[in-house]
Amino acid sequence: SEISEDAPPGTVVALLHVQDRDSGANGQVTCLLEGSVPFRLEKTFEDYYRVVTAEVLDREEVSEYNVTVRASDGG
């Protein structure tokens, strides 16, 4: 998705819903952002995360980001 260069830190870039149908610890899912990107991942509800800007973006410095979210379960 496109993000305005003057978007303040904390601007929501993406919403994610993750789930594992296993029960107990095997059904617990954790997510993390891979690589060094100016974004952070915030858990909002039980199975929901959002990717938000962690700092002000500068299009002249970096015009595009490839953001990878890795999800893993407890099993």
PDB file of N, CA and C in Angstrom:
ATOM      1  N   SER A   1       0.838  -1.182   0.000  1.00  0.00           N
ATOM      2  CA  SER A   1       0.000   0.000   0.000  1.00  0.00           C
ATOM      3  C   SER A   1       0.883   1.246   0.000  1.00  0.00           C
ATOM      4  N   GLU A   2       0.351   2.319  -0.504  1.00  0.00           N
ATOM      5  CA  GLU A   2       1.083   3.574  -0.528  1.00  0.00           C
ATOM      6  C   GLU A   2       0.949   4.293   0.799  1.00  0.00           C
ATOM      7  N   ILE A   3       2.044   4.949   1.186  1.00  0.00           N
ATOM      8  CA  ILE A   3       2.073   5.713   2.426  1.00  0.00           C
ATOM      9  C   ILE A   3       2.586   7.100   2.087  1.00  0.00           C
ATOM     10  N   SER A   4       1.940   8.105   2.586  1.00  0.00           N
ATOM     11  CA  SER A   4       2.385   9.470   2.353  1.00  0.00           C
ATOM     12  C   SER A   4       3.720   9.700   3.048  1.00  0.00           C
ATOM     13  N   GLU A   5       4.605  10.427   2.380  1.00  0.00           N
ATOM     14  CA  GLU A   5       5.938  10.690   2.935  1.00  0.00           C
ATOM     15  C   GLU A   5       5.859  11.455   4.255  1.00  0.00           C
ATOM     16  N   ASP A   6       4.836  12.251   4.426  1.00  0.00           N
ATOM     17  CA  ASP A   6       4.724  13.028   5.659  1.00  0.00           C
ATOM     18  C   ASP A   6       3.851  12.338   6.720  1.00  0.00           C
ATOM     19  N   ALA A   7       3.603  11.044   6.540  1.00  0.00           N
ATOM     20  CA  ALA A   7       2.816  10.290   7.530  1.00  0.00           C
ATOM     21  C   ALA A   7       3.595  10.222   8.849  1.00  0.00           C
ATOM     22  N   PRO A   8       2.947  10.508   9.951  1.00  0.00           N
ATOM     23  CA  PRO A   8       3.652  10.480  11.234  1.00  0.00           C
ATOM     24  C   PRO A   8       3.929   9.049  11.694  1.00  0.00           C
ATOM     25  N   PRO A   9       4.920   8.857  12.561  1.00  0.00           N
ATOM     26  CA  PRO A   9       5.140   7.532  13.145  1.00  0.00           C
ATOM     27  C   PRO A   9       3.853   7.025  13.797  1.00  0.00           C
ATOM     28  N   GLY A  10       3.592   5.737  13.656  1.00  0.00           N
ATOM     29  CA  GLY A  10       2.373   5.147  14.192  1.00  0.00           C
ATOM     30  C   GLY A  10       1.260   5.019  13.162  1.00  0.00           C
ATOM     31  N   THR A  11       1.516   5.460  11.925  1.00  0.00           N
ATOM     32  CA  THR A  11       0.522   5.333  10.860  1.00  0.00           C
ATOM     33  C   THR A  11       0.348   3.860  10.491  1.00  0.00           C
ATOM     34  N   VAL A  12      -0.886   3.395  10.443  1.00  0.00           N
ATOM     35  CA  VAL A  12      -1.171   1.998  10.119  1.00  0.00           C
ATOM     36  C   VAL A  12      -0.961   1.765   8.631  1.00  0.00           C
ATOM     37  N   VAL A  13      -0.160   0.736   8.318  1.00  0.00           N
ATOM     38  CA  VAL A  13       0.156   0.369   6.945  1.00  0.00           C
ATOM     39  C   VAL A  13      -0.628  -0.864   6.526  1.00  0.00           C
ATOM     40  N   ALA A  14      -0.790  -1.822   7.448  1.00  0.00           N
ATOM     41  CA  ALA A  14      -1.483  -3.072   7.122  1.00  0.00           C
ATOM     42  C   ALA A  14      -2.100  -3.655   8.382  1.00  0.00           C
ATOM     43  N   LEU A  15      -3.196  -4.385   8.195  1.00  0.00           N
ATOM     44  CA  LEU A  15      -3.840  -5.135   9.270  1.00  0.00           C
ATOM     45  C   LEU A  15      -3.746  -6.613   8.937  1.00  0.00           C
ATOM     46  N   LEU A  16      -3.391  -7.430   9.928  1.00  0.00           N
ATOM     47  CA  LEU A  16      -3.218  -8.864   9.715  1.00  0.00           C
ATOM     48  C   LEU A  16      -4.037  -9.655  10.718  1.00  0.00           C
ATOM     49  N   HIS A  17      -4.580 -10.769  10.257  1.00  0.00           N
ATOM     50  CA  HIS A  17      -5.270 -11.710  11.136  1.00  0.00           C
ATOM     51  C   HIS A  17      -4.572 -13.051  10.985  1.00  0.00           C
ATOM     52  N   VAL A  18      -4.072 -13.594  12.080  1.00  0.00           N
ATOM     53  CA  VAL A  18      -3.379 -14.884  12.044  1.00  0.00           C
ATOM     54  C   VAL A  18      -4.053 -15.838  13.013  1.00  0.00           C
ATOM     55  N   GLN A  19      -4.096 -17.126  12.632  1.00  0.00           N
ATOM     56  CA  GLN A  19      -4.670 -18.111  13.538  1.00  0.00           C
ATOM     57  C   GLN A  19      -4.129 -19.488  13.213  1.00  0.00           C
ATOM     58  N   ASP A  20      -4.124 -20.320  14.214  1.00  0.00           N
ATOM     59  CA  ASP A  20      -3.731 -21.717  14.081  1.00  0.00           C
ATOM     60  C   ASP A  20      -4.853 -22.519  14.723  1.00  0.00           C
ATOM     61  N   ARG A  21      -5.351 -23.520  14.053  1.00  0.00           N
ATOM     62  CA  ARG A  21      -6.495 -24.285  14.560  1.00  0.00           C
ATOM     63  C   ARG A  21      -6.130 -25.281  15.647  1.00  0.00           C
ATOM     64  N   ASP A  22      -4.819 -25.463  15.918  1.00  0.00           N
ATOM     65  CA  ASP A  22      -4.424 -26.339  17.021  1.00  0.00           C
ATOM     66  C   ASP A  22      -4.870 -25.733  18.343  1.00  0.00           C
ATOM     67  N   SER A  23      -4.931 -26.559  19.383  1.00  0.00           N
ATOM     68  CA  SER A  23      -5.323 -26.069  20.694  1.00  0.00           C
ATOM     69  C   SER A  23      -4.104 -25.947  21.608  1.00  0.00           C
ATOM     70  N   GLY A  24      -4.281 -25.240  22.693  1.00  0.00           N
ATOM     71  CA  GLY A  24      -3.214 -25.092  23.669  1.00  0.00           C
ATOM     72  C   GLY A  24      -2.012 -24.352  23.102  1.00  0.00           C
ATOM     73  N   ALA A  25      -0.810 -24.731  23.598  1.00  0.00           N
ATOM     74  CA  ALA A  25       0.419 -24.062  23.166  1.00  0.00           C
ATOM     75  C   ALA A  25       0.662 -24.224  21.672  1.00  0.00           C
ATOM     76  N   ASN A  26       0.228 -25.331  21.097  1.00  0.00           N
ATOM     77  CA  ASN A  26       0.415 -25.557  19.659  1.00  0.00           C
ATOM     78  C   ASN A  26      -0.379 -24.567  18.808  1.00  0.00           C
ATOM     79  N   GLY A  27      -1.398 -23.971  19.378  1.00  0.00           N
ATOM     80  CA  GLY A  27      -2.219 -23.017  18.644  1.00  0.00           C
ATOM     81  C   GLY A  27      -1.800 -21.577  18.838  1.00  0.00           C
ATOM     82  N   GLN A  28      -0.813 -21.335  19.699  1.00  0.00           N
ATOM     83  CA  GLN A  28      -0.333 -19.976  19.930  1.00  0.00           C
ATOM     84  C   GLN A  28       0.542 -19.527  18.762  1.00  0.00           C
ATOM     85  N   VAL A  29       0.216 -18.388  18.184  1.00  0.00           N
ATOM     86  CA  VAL A  29       0.952 -17.867  17.035  1.00  0.00           C
ATOM     87  C   VAL A  29       1.667 -16.582  17.435  1.00  0.00           C
ATOM     88  N   THR A  30       2.930 -16.477  17.043  1.00  0.00           N
ATOM     89  CA  THR A  30       3.667 -15.230  17.228  1.00  0.00           C
ATOM     90  C   THR A  30       4.108 -14.723  15.869  1.00  0.00           C
ATOM     91  N   CYS A  31       4.163 -13.424  15.726  1.00  0.00           N
ATOM     92  CA  CYS A  31       4.556 -12.804  14.467  1.00  0.00           C
ATOM     93  C   CYS A  31       5.697 -11.836  14.718  1.00  0.00           C
ATOM     94  N   LEU A  32       6.546 -11.692  13.700  1.00  0.00           N
ATOM     95  CA  LEU A  32       7.621 -10.716  13.773  1.00  0.00           C
ATOM     96  C   LEU A  32       7.941 -10.200  12.392  1.00  0.00           C
ATOM     97  N   LEU A  33       8.487  -8.990  12.359  1.00  0.00           N
ATOM     98  CA  LEU A  33       8.927  -8.400  11.100  1.00  0.00           C
ATOM     99  C   LEU A  33      10.353  -8.848  10.847  1.00  0.00           C
ATOM    100  N   GLU A  34      10.635  -9.229   9.618  1.00  0.00           N
ATOM    101  CA  GLU A  34      11.988  -9.639   9.255  1.00  0.00           C
ATOM    102  C   GLU A  34      12.739  -8.463   8.650  1.00  0.00           C
ATOM    103  N   GLY A  35      14.037  -8.436   8.880  1.00  0.00           N
ATOM    104  CA  GLY A  35      14.880  -7.418   8.282  1.00  0.00           C
ATOM    105  C   GLY A  35      14.823  -6.105   9.035  1.00  0.00           C
ATOM    106  N   SER A  36      15.547  -5.162   8.500  1.00  0.00           N
ATOM    107  CA  SER A  36      15.632  -3.836   9.094  1.00  0.00           C
ATOM    108  C   SER A  36      14.768  -2.877   8.274  1.00  0.00           C
ATOM    109  N   VAL A  37      13.565  -2.634   8.759  1.00  0.00           N
ATOM    110  CA  VAL A  37      12.624  -1.749   8.081  1.00  0.00           C
ATOM    111  C   VAL A  37      12.105  -0.727   9.090  1.00  0.00           C
ATOM    112  N   PRO A  38      11.681   0.440   8.625  1.00  0.00           N
ATOM    113  CA  PRO A  38      11.197   1.481   9.542  1.00  0.00           C
ATOM    114  C   PRO A  38       9.729   1.284   9.941  1.00  0.00           C
ATOM    115  N   PHE A  39       9.390   0.055  10.244  1.00  0.00           N
ATOM    116  CA  PHE A  39       8.034  -0.299  10.659  1.00  0.00           C
ATOM    117  C   PHE A  39       8.117  -1.149  11.906  1.00  0.00           C
ATOM    118  N   ARG A  40       7.009  -1.257  12.613  1.00  0.00           N
ATOM    119  CA  ARG A  40       6.941  -2.168  13.753  1.00  0.00           C
ATOM    120  C   ARG A  40       5.611  -2.904  13.699  1.00  0.00           C
ATOM    121  N   LEU A  41       5.593  -4.025  14.357  1.00  0.00           N
ATOM    122  CA  LEU A  41       4.409  -4.880  14.393  1.00  0.00           C
ATOM    123  C   LEU A  41       3.790  -4.749  15.777  1.00  0.00           C
ATOM    124  N   GLU A  42       2.512  -4.458  15.827  1.00  0.00           N
ATOM    125  CA  GLU A  42       1.799  -4.317  17.097  1.00  0.00           C
ATOM    126  C   GLU A  42       0.658  -5.315  17.150  1.00  0.00           C
ATOM    127  N   LYS A  43       0.595  -6.052  18.251  1.00  0.00           N
ATOM    128  CA  LYS A  43      -0.535  -6.959  18.461  1.00  0.00           C
ATOM    129  C   LYS A  43      -1.679  -6.124  19.012  1.00  0.00           C
ATOM    130  N   THR A  44      -2.835  -6.184  18.347  1.00  0.00           N
ATOM    131  CA  THR A  44      -3.947  -5.342  18.772  1.00  0.00           C
ATOM    132  C   THR A  44      -5.005  -6.120  19.543  1.00  0.00           C
ATOM    133  N   PHE A  45      -5.332  -7.303  19.060  1.00  0.00           N
ATOM    134  CA  PHE A  45      -6.276  -8.180  19.727  1.00  0.00           C
ATOM    135  C   PHE A  45      -5.691  -9.571  19.711  1.00  0.00           C
ATOM    136  N   GLU A  46      -6.451 -10.551  20.115  1.00  0.00           N
ATOM    137  CA  GLU A  46      -5.964 -11.918  20.249  1.00  0.00           C
ATOM    138  C   GLU A  46      -5.215 -12.433  19.020  1.00  0.00           C
ATOM    139  N   ASP A  47      -5.808 -12.376  17.854  1.00  0.00           N
ATOM    140  CA  ASP A  47      -5.199 -12.907  16.630  1.00  0.00           C
ATOM    141  C   ASP A  47      -4.937 -11.825  15.589  1.00  0.00           C
ATOM    142  N   TYR A  48      -4.933 -10.570  16.008  1.00  0.00           N
ATOM    143  CA  TYR A  48      -4.800  -9.463  15.068  1.00  0.00           C
ATOM    144  C   TYR A  48      -3.537  -8.652  15.343  1.00  0.00           C
ATOM    145  N   TYR A  49      -2.884  -8.278  14.255  1.00  0.00           N
ATOM    146  CA  TYR A  49      -1.689  -7.445  14.325  1.00  0.00           C
ATOM    147  C   TYR A  49      -1.850  -6.297  13.343  1.00  0.00           C
ATOM    148  N   ARG A  50      -1.102  -5.241  13.580  1.00  0.00           N
ATOM    149  CA  ARG A  50      -1.034  -4.168  12.604  1.00  0.00           C
ATOM    150  C   ARG A  50       0.422  -3.785  12.388  1.00  0.00           C
ATOM    151  N   VAL A  51       0.735  -3.444  11.156  1.00  0.00           N
ATOM    152  CA  VAL A  51       2.053  -2.940  10.800  1.00  0.00           C
ATOM    153  C   VAL A  51       1.927  -1.428  10.775  1.00  0.00           C
ATOM    154  N   VAL A  52       2.777  -0.743  11.533  1.00  0.00           N
ATOM    155  CA  VAL A  52       2.734   0.716  11.604  1.00  0.00           C
ATOM    156  C   VAL A  52       4.120   1.287  11.330  1.00  0.00           C
ATOM    157  N   THR A  53       4.153   2.538  10.905  1.00  0.00           N
ATOM    158  CA  THR A  53       5.429   3.200  10.697  1.00  0.00           C
ATOM    159  C   THR A  53       6.083   3.440  12.054  1.00  0.00           C
ATOM    160  N   ALA A  54       7.395   3.209  12.118  1.00  0.00           N
ATOM    161  CA  ALA A  54       8.139   3.405  13.356  1.00  0.00           C
ATOM    162  C   ALA A  54       8.883   4.732  13.363  1.00  0.00           C
ATOM    163  N   GLU A  55       8.992   5.351  12.198  1.00  0.00           N
ATOM    164  CA  GLU A  55       9.699   6.626  12.071  1.00  0.00           C
ATOM    165  C   GLU A  55       9.184   7.344  10.834  1.00  0.00           C
ATOM    166  N   VAL A  56       9.605   8.575  10.659  1.00  0.00           N
ATOM    167  CA  VAL A  56       9.225   9.338   9.477  1.00  0.00           C
ATOM    168  C   VAL A  56       9.938   8.741   8.265  1.00  0.00           C
ATOM    169  N   LEU A  57       9.217   8.601   7.161  1.00  0.00           N
ATOM    170  CA  LEU A  57       9.781   8.023   5.941  1.00  0.00           C
ATOM    171  C   LEU A  57      10.275   9.128   5.019  1.00  0.00           C
ATOM    172  N   ASP A  58      11.322   8.837   4.260  1.00  0.00           N
ATOM    173  CA  ASP A  58      11.885   9.799   3.317  1.00  0.00           C
ATOM    174  C   ASP A  58      11.971   9.147   1.939  1.00  0.00           C
ATOM    175  N   ARG A  59      11.082   9.531   1.056  1.00  0.00           N
ATOM    176  CA  ARG A  59      11.003   8.917  -0.278  1.00  0.00           C
ATOM    177  C   ARG A  59      12.289   9.106  -1.081  1.00  0.00           C
ATOM    178  N   GLU A  60      12.973  10.221  -0.886  1.00  0.00           N
ATOM    179  CA  GLU A  60      14.217  10.458  -1.610  1.00  0.00           C
ATOM    180  C   GLU A  60      15.315   9.497  -1.148  1.00  0.00           C
ATOM    181  N   GLU A  61      15.250   9.079   0.090  1.00  0.00           N
ATOM    182  CA  GLU A  61      16.238   8.144   0.635  1.00  0.00           C
ATOM    183  C   GLU A  61      15.907   6.702   0.250  1.00  0.00           C
ATOM    184  N   VAL A  62      14.650   6.290   0.489  1.00  0.00           N
ATOM    185  CA  VAL A  62      14.172   4.945   0.124  1.00  0.00           C
ATOM    186  C   VAL A  62      12.769   5.113  -0.438  1.00  0.00           C
ATOM    187  N   SER A  63      12.575   4.685  -1.688  1.00  0.00           N
ATOM    188  CA  SER A  63      11.276   4.902  -2.332  1.00  0.00           C
ATOM    189  C   SER A  63      10.325   3.720  -2.185  1.00  0.00           C
ATOM    190  N   GLU A  64      10.838   2.564  -1.769  1.00  0.00           N
ATOM    191  CA  GLU A  64      10.008   1.366  -1.693  1.00  0.00           C
ATOM    192  C   GLU A  64      10.566   0.414  -0.637  1.00  0.00           C
ATOM    193  N   TYR A  65       9.669  -0.264   0.068  1.00  0.00           N
ATOM    194  CA  TYR A  65      10.056  -1.254   1.078  1.00  0.00           C
ATOM    195  C   TYR A  65       9.378  -2.576   0.786  1.00  0.00           C
ATOM    196  N   ASN A  66      10.076  -3.651   1.028  1.00  0.00           N
ATOM    197  CA  ASN A  66       9.506  -4.989   0.968  1.00  0.00           C
ATOM    198  C   ASN A  66       9.430  -5.467   2.415  1.00  0.00           C
ATOM    199  N   VAL A  67       8.227  -5.598   2.920  1.00  0.00           N
ATOM    200  CA  VAL A  67       8.019  -5.944   4.323  1.00  0.00           C
ATOM    201  C   VAL A  67       7.579  -7.403   4.414  1.00  0.00           C
ATOM    202  N   THR A  68       8.318  -8.199   5.194  1.00  0.00           N
ATOM    203  CA  THR A  68       7.989  -9.595   5.393  1.00  0.00           C
ATOM    204  C   THR A  68       7.616  -9.831   6.850  1.00  0.00           C
ATOM    205  N   VAL A  69       6.445 -10.417   7.057  1.00  0.00           N
ATOM    206  CA  VAL A  69       5.990 -10.799   8.395  1.00  0.00           C
ATOM    207  C   VAL A  69       6.072 -12.311   8.497  1.00  0.00           C
ATOM    208  N   ARG A  70       6.793 -12.813   9.504  1.00  0.00           N
ATOM    209  CA  ARG A  70       6.921 -14.252   9.705  1.00  0.00           C
ATOM    210  C   ARG A  70       6.043 -14.656  10.896  1.00  0.00           C
ATOM    211  N   ALA A  71       5.164 -15.610  10.640  1.00  0.00           N
ATOM    212  CA  ALA A  71       4.304 -16.141  11.689  1.00  0.00           C
ATOM    213  C   ALA A  71       4.759 -17.554  12.032  1.00  0.00           C
ATOM    214  N   SER A  72       4.827 -17.862  13.316  1.00  0.00           N
ATOM    215  CA  SER A  72       5.182 -19.212  13.743  1.00  0.00           C
ATOM    216  C   SER A  72       4.285 -19.623  14.903  1.00  0.00           C
ATOM    217  N   ASP A  73       4.015 -20.917  14.965  1.00  0.00           N
ATOM    218  CA  ASP A  73       3.144 -21.412  16.032  1.00  0.00           C
ATOM    219  C   ASP A  73       3.970 -22.109  17.102  1.00  0.00           C
ATOM    220  N   GLY A  74       3.309 -22.465  18.187  1.00  0.00           N
ATOM    221  CA  GLY A  74       3.994 -23.072  19.319  1.00  0.00           C
ATOM    222  C   GLY A  74       4.207 -24.574  19.165  1.00  0.00           C
ATOM    223  N   GLY A  75       3.798 -25.165  18.062  1.00  0.00           N
ATOM    224  CA  GLY A  75       3.876 -26.612  17.911  1.00  0.00           C
ATOM    225  C   GLY A  75       4.998 -27.114  17.104  1.00  0.00           C
TER     226      GLY A  75
END
